[in-house]
């Protein structure tokens, strides 16, 4: 897999050693994370009492490349809204899918709602780290 894109749920699964974390670990350090998803990870860690600087350091230790949310990504994520509205995707989900589409690579996620229908609508391959059960 070439430079897969990690969504926030995948990074949190890795940091918290949740089910599927081994799959995420296997794609490091060649993985990317978009700045929108980085914000989600830092937010969740801060909600759990982790200081912002420590949260950022934990992510940096993973060795992932942080990709700024560009105008092009904003356009693609916005264009995905009508295509994926029925699936309940968040802005973070769409930003992650847009980055995967732009880079022509796989999106790695723990989110079950990012299923085959979303994969087809977003025109990007999705690797779910947990079984759909």
N, C-alpha and C. Protein backbone atom coordinates (compact mmCIF):
# COMPACT_ATOMS: atom_id res chain seq x y z
N UNK A 1 0.85 -1.18 0.00
CA UNK A 1 0.00 0.00 0.00
C UNK A 1 0.89 1.24 0.00
N UNK A 2 0.60 2.17 -0.90
CA UNK A 2 1.43 3.35 -1.06
C UNK A 2 0.83 4.54 -0.32
N UNK A 3 1.52 5.05 0.67
CA UNK A 3 1.13 6.23 1.44
C UNK A 3 -0.37 6.28 1.75
N UNK A 4 -0.88 5.34 2.52
CA UNK A 4 -2.30 5.37 2.84
C UNK A 4 -2.65 6.58 3.71
N UNK A 5 -3.89 6.99 3.63
CA UNK A 5 -4.40 8.11 4.42
C UNK A 5 -5.11 7.55 5.65
N UNK A 6 -4.72 8.02 6.81
CA UNK A 6 -5.35 7.59 8.07
C UNK A 6 -6.44 8.56 8.46
N UNK A 7 -7.59 8.04 8.83
CA UNK A 7 -8.59 8.94 9.41
C UNK A 7 -8.40 8.96 10.93
N UNK A 8 -9.12 9.85 11.58
CA UNK A 8 -8.95 10.02 13.03
C UNK A 8 -9.21 8.74 13.79
N UNK A 9 -10.22 7.98 13.38
CA UNK A 9 -10.56 6.75 14.11
C UNK A 9 -9.43 5.73 14.05
N UNK A 10 -8.72 5.67 12.94
CA UNK A 10 -7.60 4.74 12.81
C UNK A 10 -6.45 5.14 13.73
N UNK A 11 -6.15 6.43 13.78
CA UNK A 11 -5.07 6.91 14.65
C UNK A 11 -5.43 6.68 16.11
N UNK A 12 -6.67 6.97 16.47
CA UNK A 12 -7.10 6.74 17.86
C UNK A 12 -7.07 5.27 18.22
N UNK A 13 -7.45 4.40 17.28
CA UNK A 13 -7.38 2.96 17.53
C UNK A 13 -5.94 2.54 17.80
N UNK A 14 -5.00 3.11 17.05
CA UNK A 14 -3.59 2.79 17.25
C UNK A 14 -3.11 3.31 18.61
N UNK A 15 -3.36 4.56 18.89
CA UNK A 15 -2.88 5.16 20.14
C UNK A 15 -3.48 4.49 21.37
N UNK A 16 -4.72 4.03 21.25
CA UNK A 16 -5.42 3.40 22.38
C UNK A 16 -5.34 1.87 22.36
N UNK A 17 -4.61 1.34 21.38
CA UNK A 17 -4.45 -0.12 21.22
C UNK A 17 -5.81 -0.83 21.19
N UNK A 18 -6.71 -0.24 20.43
CA UNK A 18 -8.05 -0.81 20.24
C UNK A 18 -8.01 -1.86 19.14
N UNK A 19 -9.08 -2.65 18.99
CA UNK A 19 -9.12 -3.64 17.91
C UNK A 19 -8.81 -3.01 16.56
N UNK A 20 -7.94 -3.67 15.80
CA UNK A 20 -7.53 -3.17 14.50
C UNK A 20 -6.26 -2.35 14.52
N UNK A 21 -5.73 -2.06 15.72
CA UNK A 21 -4.53 -1.21 15.79
C UNK A 21 -3.34 -1.82 15.07
N UNK A 22 -3.30 -3.15 14.99
CA UNK A 22 -2.18 -3.82 14.31
C UNK A 22 -2.16 -3.47 12.83
N UNK A 23 -3.33 -3.37 12.23
CA UNK A 23 -3.43 -3.01 10.81
C UNK A 23 -2.90 -1.60 10.58
N UNK A 24 -3.22 -0.69 11.47
CA UNK A 24 -2.74 0.69 11.35
C UNK A 24 -1.23 0.72 11.53
N UNK A 25 -0.73 0.00 12.52
CA UNK A 25 0.70 -0.04 12.78
C UNK A 25 1.48 -0.55 11.57
N UNK A 26 0.89 -1.48 10.84
CA UNK A 26 1.56 -2.07 9.68
C UNK A 26 1.78 -1.09 8.54
N UNK A 27 1.00 -0.01 8.48
CA UNK A 27 1.15 0.95 7.38
C UNK A 27 2.04 2.14 7.75
N UNK A 28 2.50 2.17 8.99
CA UNK A 28 3.40 3.25 9.42
C UNK A 28 4.82 2.94 9.00
N UNK A 29 5.68 3.90 8.80
CA UNK A 29 5.46 5.35 8.86
C UNK A 29 5.10 5.95 7.51
N UNK A 30 4.73 5.13 6.54
CA UNK A 30 4.44 5.64 5.20
C UNK A 30 3.08 6.32 5.08
N UNK A 31 2.35 6.44 6.17
CA UNK A 31 0.98 6.96 6.11
C UNK A 31 0.92 8.48 6.19
N UNK A 32 -0.23 8.99 5.78
CA UNK A 32 -0.53 10.42 5.82
C UNK A 32 -1.73 10.66 6.73
N UNK A 33 -1.83 11.86 7.27
CA UNK A 33 -3.06 12.29 7.94
C UNK A 33 -3.30 13.73 7.54
N UNK A 34 -4.53 14.03 7.19
CA UNK A 34 -4.89 15.40 6.85
C UNK A 34 -5.03 16.25 8.11
N UNK A 35 -4.84 17.55 7.95
CA UNK A 35 -4.90 18.44 9.12
C UNK A 35 -6.28 18.46 9.77
N UNK A 36 -7.34 18.23 9.00
CA UNK A 36 -8.68 18.18 9.59
C UNK A 36 -8.79 16.98 10.52
N UNK A 37 -8.31 15.82 10.06
CA UNK A 37 -8.34 14.63 10.90
C UNK A 37 -7.37 14.73 12.07
N UNK A 38 -6.27 15.41 11.87
CA UNK A 38 -5.34 15.68 12.97
C UNK A 38 -6.05 16.46 14.07
N UNK A 39 -6.84 17.44 13.68
CA UNK A 39 -7.62 18.22 14.64
C UNK A 39 -8.57 17.33 15.42
N UNK A 40 -9.21 16.38 14.73
CA UNK A 40 -10.12 15.45 15.41
C UNK A 40 -9.39 14.61 16.44
N UNK A 41 -8.21 14.11 16.09
CA UNK A 41 -7.44 13.28 17.02
C UNK A 41 -7.04 14.09 18.24
N UNK A 42 -6.49 15.28 18.01
CA UNK A 42 -6.07 16.12 19.13
C UNK A 42 -7.27 16.46 20.02
N UNK A 43 -8.42 16.75 19.41
CA UNK A 43 -9.63 17.07 20.17
C UNK A 43 -10.04 15.92 21.08
N UNK A 44 -10.05 14.71 20.53
CA UNK A 44 -10.44 13.53 21.32
C UNK A 44 -9.47 13.29 22.47
N UNK A 45 -8.17 13.43 22.18
CA UNK A 45 -7.17 13.22 23.23
C UNK A 45 -7.31 14.28 24.32
N UNK A 46 -7.54 15.53 23.93
CA UNK A 46 -7.73 16.60 24.91
C UNK A 46 -8.97 16.37 25.76
N UNK A 47 -10.05 15.85 25.13
CA UNK A 47 -11.26 15.52 25.90
C UNK A 47 -10.97 14.49 26.99
N UNK A 48 -9.97 13.65 26.74
CA UNK A 48 -9.59 12.60 27.70
C UNK A 48 -8.53 13.09 28.69
N UNK A 49 -8.23 14.38 28.65
CA UNK A 49 -7.31 14.95 29.62
C UNK A 49 -5.86 15.04 29.18
N UNK A 50 -5.57 14.71 27.93
CA UNK A 50 -4.20 14.81 27.43
C UNK A 50 -3.94 16.27 27.04
N UNK A 51 -2.85 16.86 27.51
CA UNK A 51 -2.52 18.23 27.12
C UNK A 51 -2.28 18.31 25.60
N UNK A 52 -2.65 19.42 24.96
CA UNK A 52 -2.51 19.54 23.51
C UNK A 52 -1.10 19.24 22.99
N UNK A 53 -0.07 19.74 23.68
CA UNK A 53 1.30 19.48 23.23
C UNK A 53 1.64 18.00 23.29
N UNK A 54 1.19 17.32 24.33
CA UNK A 54 1.44 15.89 24.46
C UNK A 54 0.68 15.11 23.40
N UNK A 55 -0.53 15.56 23.07
CA UNK A 55 -1.31 14.91 22.01
C UNK A 55 -0.58 15.03 20.68
N UNK A 56 -0.08 16.22 20.38
CA UNK A 56 0.65 16.43 19.13
C UNK A 56 1.92 15.60 19.10
N UNK A 57 2.62 15.53 20.21
CA UNK A 57 3.85 14.74 20.27
C UNK A 57 3.56 13.26 20.02
N UNK A 58 2.47 12.75 20.57
CA UNK A 58 2.10 11.34 20.36
C UNK A 58 1.88 11.06 18.88
N UNK A 59 1.25 11.99 18.19
CA UNK A 59 0.99 11.83 16.76
C UNK A 59 2.29 11.94 15.97
N UNK A 60 3.12 12.91 16.31
CA UNK A 60 4.40 13.07 15.62
C UNK A 60 5.29 11.85 15.78
N UNK A 61 5.22 11.18 16.92
CA UNK A 61 6.02 9.98 17.16
C UNK A 61 5.64 8.84 16.22
N UNK A 62 4.46 8.89 15.64
CA UNK A 62 4.03 7.85 14.70
C UNK A 62 4.76 7.97 13.36
N UNK A 63 5.31 9.15 13.09
CA UNK A 63 6.06 9.35 11.85
C UNK A 63 5.19 9.59 10.62
N UNK A 64 3.92 9.91 10.83
CA UNK A 64 3.03 10.14 9.69
C UNK A 64 3.24 11.55 9.14
N UNK A 65 3.03 11.68 7.84
CA UNK A 65 3.10 13.00 7.21
C UNK A 65 1.78 13.73 7.44
N UNK A 66 1.85 14.97 7.87
CA UNK A 66 0.65 15.78 8.08
C UNK A 66 0.44 16.64 6.84
N UNK A 67 -0.73 16.51 6.23
CA UNK A 67 -1.04 17.21 4.98
C UNK A 67 -2.03 18.34 5.26
N UNK A 68 -1.66 19.58 4.93
CA UNK A 68 -2.59 20.70 5.14
C UNK A 68 -3.85 20.54 4.28
N UNK A 69 -4.95 21.07 4.78
CA UNK A 69 -6.22 21.03 4.04
C UNK A 69 -6.22 22.19 3.04
N UNK A 70 -5.98 21.87 1.79
CA UNK A 70 -5.83 22.87 0.73
C UNK A 70 -7.18 23.27 0.14
N UNK A 71 -7.13 24.25 -0.73
CA UNK A 71 -8.33 24.68 -1.46
C UNK A 71 -8.89 23.52 -2.29
N UNK A 72 -8.01 22.78 -2.93
CA UNK A 72 -8.44 21.63 -3.73
C UNK A 72 -9.14 20.57 -2.89
N UNK A 73 -8.60 20.30 -1.70
CA UNK A 73 -9.24 19.34 -0.80
C UNK A 73 -10.59 19.87 -0.31
N UNK A 74 -10.65 21.17 -0.06
CA UNK A 74 -11.92 21.77 0.37
C UNK A 74 -12.98 21.61 -0.72
N UNK A 75 -12.59 21.83 -1.97
CA UNK A 75 -13.53 21.67 -3.08
C UNK A 75 -14.01 20.24 -3.20
N UNK A 76 -13.10 19.28 -3.11
CA UNK A 76 -13.48 17.87 -3.23
C UNK A 76 -14.35 17.44 -2.05
N UNK A 77 -13.98 17.82 -0.84
CA UNK A 77 -14.77 17.45 0.33
C UNK A 77 -16.17 18.06 0.25
N UNK A 78 -16.25 19.29 -0.22
CA UNK A 78 -17.55 19.93 -0.39
C UNK A 78 -18.38 19.24 -1.46
N UNK A 79 -17.75 18.84 -2.55
CA UNK A 79 -18.45 18.15 -3.63
C UNK A 79 -18.95 16.78 -3.20
N UNK A 80 -18.30 16.19 -2.21
CA UNK A 80 -18.73 14.88 -1.70
C UNK A 80 -20.02 14.96 -0.88
N UNK A 81 -20.34 16.14 -0.37
CA UNK A 81 -21.52 16.28 0.50
C UNK A 81 -22.81 15.76 -0.15
N UNK A 82 -23.18 16.22 -1.34
CA UNK A 82 -24.42 15.70 -1.92
C UNK A 82 -24.34 14.23 -2.30
N UNK A 83 -23.15 13.75 -2.61
CA UNK A 83 -22.97 12.34 -2.99
C UNK A 83 -23.05 11.40 -1.80
N UNK A 84 -22.74 11.91 -0.61
CA UNK A 84 -22.63 11.05 0.57
C UNK A 84 -23.56 11.46 1.71
N UNK A 85 -24.40 12.45 1.50
CA UNK A 85 -25.28 12.97 2.56
C UNK A 85 -26.11 11.86 3.20
N UNK A 86 -26.61 10.95 2.40
CA UNK A 86 -27.46 9.86 2.90
C UNK A 86 -26.70 8.91 3.83
N UNK A 87 -25.38 8.94 3.78
CA UNK A 87 -24.57 8.03 4.59
C UNK A 87 -24.15 8.65 5.92
N UNK A 88 -24.48 9.92 6.15
CA UNK A 88 -24.20 10.57 7.42
C UNK A 88 -22.73 10.90 7.66
N UNK A 89 -21.99 11.18 6.60
CA UNK A 89 -20.57 11.49 6.76
C UNK A 89 -20.36 12.88 7.36
N UNK A 90 -19.38 12.96 8.23
CA UNK A 90 -18.99 14.24 8.83
C UNK A 90 -18.04 14.98 7.89
N UNK A 91 -17.76 16.22 8.22
CA UNK A 91 -16.76 16.98 7.47
C UNK A 91 -15.42 16.26 7.53
N UNK A 92 -15.06 15.75 8.70
CA UNK A 92 -13.80 15.02 8.85
C UNK A 92 -13.74 13.80 7.94
N UNK A 93 -14.84 13.05 7.86
CA UNK A 93 -14.89 11.90 6.96
C UNK A 93 -14.65 12.33 5.52
N UNK A 94 -15.35 13.38 5.10
CA UNK A 94 -15.23 13.83 3.72
C UNK A 94 -13.85 14.41 3.43
N UNK A 95 -13.25 15.09 4.40
CA UNK A 95 -11.90 15.62 4.21
C UNK A 95 -10.90 14.48 4.02
N UNK A 96 -11.08 13.43 4.80
CA UNK A 96 -10.20 12.26 4.69
C UNK A 96 -10.37 11.57 3.34
N UNK A 97 -11.60 11.37 2.93
CA UNK A 97 -11.87 10.75 1.62
C UNK A 97 -11.33 11.61 0.49
N UNK A 98 -11.44 12.92 0.61
CA UNK A 98 -10.92 13.83 -0.42
C UNK A 98 -9.41 13.69 -0.54
N UNK A 99 -8.71 13.58 0.58
CA UNK A 99 -7.26 13.41 0.55
C UNK A 99 -6.89 12.07 -0.08
N UNK A 100 -7.61 11.02 0.26
CA UNK A 100 -7.36 9.72 -0.36
C UNK A 100 -7.57 9.76 -1.86
N UNK A 101 -8.63 10.44 -2.29
CA UNK A 101 -8.93 10.58 -3.71
C UNK A 101 -7.83 11.38 -4.41
N UNK A 102 -7.44 12.52 -3.81
CA UNK A 102 -6.42 13.38 -4.41
C UNK A 102 -5.09 12.64 -4.58
N UNK A 103 -4.72 11.83 -3.59
CA UNK A 103 -3.46 11.10 -3.64
C UNK A 103 -3.57 9.77 -4.38
N UNK A 104 -4.78 9.36 -4.71
CA UNK A 104 -4.98 8.09 -5.40
C UNK A 104 -4.58 6.90 -4.54
N UNK A 105 -4.91 6.98 -3.26
CA UNK A 105 -4.47 5.94 -2.33
C UNK A 105 -5.63 5.49 -1.44
N UNK A 106 -5.34 4.54 -0.59
CA UNK A 106 -6.33 3.94 0.30
C UNK A 106 -6.54 4.78 1.55
N UNK A 107 -7.78 4.85 2.00
CA UNK A 107 -8.12 5.47 3.28
C UNK A 107 -8.26 4.35 4.31
N UNK A 108 -7.56 4.49 5.43
CA UNK A 108 -7.60 3.50 6.51
C UNK A 108 -8.47 4.06 7.63
N UNK A 109 -9.48 3.28 8.05
CA UNK A 109 -10.45 3.78 9.02
C UNK A 109 -10.94 2.68 9.95
N UNK A 110 -11.44 3.09 11.10
CA UNK A 110 -12.14 2.17 12.00
C UNK A 110 -13.64 2.40 11.93
N UNK A 111 -14.06 3.35 11.12
CA UNK A 111 -15.47 3.72 11.01
C UNK A 111 -16.24 2.71 10.17
N UNK A 112 -17.23 2.08 10.75
CA UNK A 112 -18.03 1.09 10.02
C UNK A 112 -18.94 1.73 8.97
N UNK A 113 -19.34 2.99 9.19
CA UNK A 113 -20.24 3.63 8.22
C UNK A 113 -19.53 4.01 6.92
N UNK A 114 -18.21 3.95 6.90
CA UNK A 114 -17.48 4.16 5.65
C UNK A 114 -17.43 2.82 4.92
N UNK A 115 -18.53 2.47 4.30
CA UNK A 115 -18.70 1.15 3.71
C UNK A 115 -18.54 1.18 2.19
N UNK A 116 -18.95 0.09 1.54
CA UNK A 116 -18.79 -0.02 0.09
C UNK A 116 -19.56 1.05 -0.67
N UNK A 117 -20.70 1.48 -0.15
CA UNK A 117 -21.48 2.54 -0.81
C UNK A 117 -20.70 3.85 -0.80
N UNK A 118 -20.07 4.14 0.33
CA UNK A 118 -19.26 5.36 0.44
C UNK A 118 -18.05 5.24 -0.48
N UNK A 119 -17.42 4.08 -0.47
CA UNK A 119 -16.26 3.83 -1.32
C UNK A 119 -16.59 4.13 -2.79
N UNK A 120 -17.74 3.66 -3.25
CA UNK A 120 -18.16 3.89 -4.63
C UNK A 120 -18.47 5.36 -4.89
N UNK A 121 -19.18 6.00 -3.98
CA UNK A 121 -19.55 7.40 -4.16
C UNK A 121 -18.33 8.32 -4.15
N UNK A 122 -17.37 8.03 -3.28
CA UNK A 122 -16.19 8.88 -3.13
C UNK A 122 -15.08 8.53 -4.11
N UNK A 123 -15.22 7.40 -4.80
CA UNK A 123 -14.22 6.94 -5.76
C UNK A 123 -12.84 6.80 -5.11
N UNK A 124 -12.83 6.15 -3.96
CA UNK A 124 -11.58 5.91 -3.24
C UNK A 124 -11.68 4.56 -2.54
N UNK A 125 -10.55 3.86 -2.45
CA UNK A 125 -10.52 2.57 -1.75
C UNK A 125 -10.48 2.81 -0.25
N UNK A 126 -11.28 2.05 0.49
CA UNK A 126 -11.34 2.17 1.94
C UNK A 126 -10.96 0.85 2.58
N UNK A 127 -10.02 0.89 3.52
CA UNK A 127 -9.62 -0.28 4.30
C UNK A 127 -10.16 -0.10 5.71
N UNK A 128 -11.15 -0.91 6.07
CA UNK A 128 -11.71 -0.87 7.42
C UNK A 128 -10.91 -1.82 8.30
N UNK A 129 -10.43 -1.32 9.43
CA UNK A 129 -9.54 -2.11 10.29
C UNK A 129 -10.29 -3.04 11.22
N UNK A 130 -11.61 -2.90 11.26
CA UNK A 130 -12.45 -3.76 12.11
C UNK A 130 -13.50 -4.43 11.24
N UNK A 131 -13.93 -5.61 11.65
CA UNK A 131 -15.00 -6.30 10.93
C UNK A 131 -16.29 -5.51 11.04
N UNK A 132 -17.10 -5.63 10.02
CA UNK A 132 -18.36 -4.87 9.97
C UNK A 132 -19.39 -5.36 10.98
N UNK A 133 -19.21 -6.52 11.59
CA UNK A 133 -20.17 -7.12 12.52
C UNK A 133 -20.65 -6.28 13.57
